[in-house]
Amino acid sequence: MTNWKQCECGVKRDFMSRSNAEKALGKAQAKRGRRGDAQGTRRGLRIEHRVYSCEFGGFHLTAESRSSYEARVAA
């Protein structure tokens, strides 16, 4: 059983609860870390850093920092 479904807002994964999204975030960070270690460097890897709530009621993962998001939305 998956802990996510396709979101109505686009092509993103919609995690039905914050706890599911945070668990997926930890798994994604570990996977990216292992990939970087295998390559010998983590430079250039896009690593998810946080969970945010979607306007359609789900939760998504993002690599964008909160300050970058707030600056983009304010502009």
Protein backbone atom coordinates (compact mmCIF):
# COMPACT_ATOMS: atom_id res chain seq x y z
CA MET A 1 0.00 0.00 0.00
CA THR A 2 1.33 3.42 -0.92
CA ASN A 3 1.22 6.40 1.40
CA TRP A 4 0.66 8.84 -1.45
CA LYS A 5 -1.52 9.46 -4.50
CA GLN A 6 -1.26 11.73 -7.52
CA CYS A 7 -2.17 15.28 -6.54
CA GLU A 8 -4.88 17.29 -8.27
CA CYS A 9 -2.53 20.30 -8.54
CA GLY A 10 -0.21 18.64 -11.05
CA VAL A 11 2.37 15.87 -11.25
CA LYS A 12 3.38 15.92 -7.58
CA ARG A 13 2.92 13.18 -5.03
CA ASP A 14 0.19 13.98 -2.54
CA PHE A 15 0.91 12.53 0.89
CA MET A 16 -2.36 12.19 2.76
CA SER A 17 -0.90 13.20 6.13
CA ARG A 18 2.02 15.26 7.41
CA SER A 19 3.48 12.20 9.14
CA ASN A 20 3.50 10.25 5.86
CA ALA A 21 5.20 13.18 4.14
CA GLU A 22 7.82 13.54 6.88
CA LYS A 23 8.56 9.81 6.72
CA ALA A 24 8.96 10.06 2.93
CA LEU A 25 11.20 13.11 3.41
CA GLY A 26 13.55 11.12 5.63
CA LYS A 27 13.66 8.28 3.10
CA ALA A 28 14.31 10.68 0.22
CA GLN A 29 17.13 12.43 2.09
CA ALA A 30 18.76 9.09 2.93
CA LYS A 31 18.45 7.92 -0.68
CA ARG A 32 19.99 11.13 -2.05
CA GLY A 33 22.77 10.89 0.53
CA ARG A 34 23.59 7.34 -0.49
CA ARG A 35 23.61 8.33 -4.15
CA GLY A 36 25.95 11.22 -3.43
CA ASP A 37 28.27 9.02 -1.41
CA ALA A 38 28.35 6.47 -4.25
CA GLN A 39 29.26 9.21 -6.72
CA GLY A 40 31.91 10.56 -4.38
CA THR A 41 30.26 13.98 -3.99
CA ARG A 42 26.86 15.38 -3.12
CA ARG A 43 27.48 18.50 -5.15
CA GLY A 44 24.67 19.24 -7.57
CA LEU A 45 22.17 16.81 -6.03
CA ARG A 46 18.70 18.17 -5.44
CA ILE A 47 17.81 17.11 -1.91
CA GLU A 48 14.36 17.67 -0.42
CA HIS A 49 14.53 19.69 2.78
CA ARG A 50 10.99 20.28 3.96
CA VAL A 51 7.31 19.39 3.76
CA TYR A 52 4.61 21.88 2.84
CA SER A 53 0.83 21.72 2.65
CA CYS A 54 -0.89 22.00 -0.71
CA GLU A 55 -3.94 24.13 -1.41
CA PHE A 56 -5.75 20.88 -2.35
CA GLY A 57 -5.31 19.50 1.18
CA GLY A 58 -2.31 17.19 0.78
CA PHE A 59 1.36 17.50 1.60
CA HIS A 60 4.35 17.70 -0.76
CA LEU A 61 8.15 17.53 -0.46
CA THR A 62 10.33 20.35 -1.73
CA ALA A 63 13.99 21.21 -2.02
CA GLU A 64 13.18 24.94 -2.00
CA SER A 65 14.02 26.76 1.22
CA ARG A 66 11.26 28.54 3.10
CA SER A 67 12.96 31.94 2.65
CA SER A 68 13.26 31.41 -1.11
CA TYR A 69 9.59 30.41 -1.32
CA GLU A 70 8.44 33.41 0.72
CA ALA A 71 10.52 35.79 -1.41
CA ARG A 72 9.09 34.30 -4.62
CA VAL A 73 5.50 34.52 -3.39
CA ALA A 74 5.92 38.09 -2.12
CA ALA A 75 7.21 39.32 -5.51
